């Protein structure tokens, strides 16, 4: 357990450093917003985002789990500063208007950004990695 936590913290620190070093620079890779479709696991817990049916206008089917389903009241995908941005607003018991603002980093295939916990008014840096799904 300790090794897993240490590894997660190392990955988080690396991804956050990547985010800060990149600043507002655009990714050198061309992108299609559909690249963020899939299942994503937050590295510091049992939180999962599932992004499906991504459309060119930025609409998508987004589901959130911790580990049970939490209602997603709003979501949108757009671009900012040359990166794909995913915004998710939760509205459920224990999640009264909490939000994620995540940026896709093509270089590492990760979503990095912030989680704003509305109930406490606190904001946290977070990292989601793509879950490997075998069929």
Foldseek 3Di string as FASTA:
>chain_A
DVVLQVVLVVVLVVVVVVPVVCDLAADPDDDQLCLLAAKWAWSPAQKIWHWADQDNQFDTDIWIPNPHTFAWPDWGWDDGSNWIWIKTFTPGVQRNGKIWIWTADPVQRKTWGWIQRVVVRDIDTIIIHGDDDDD
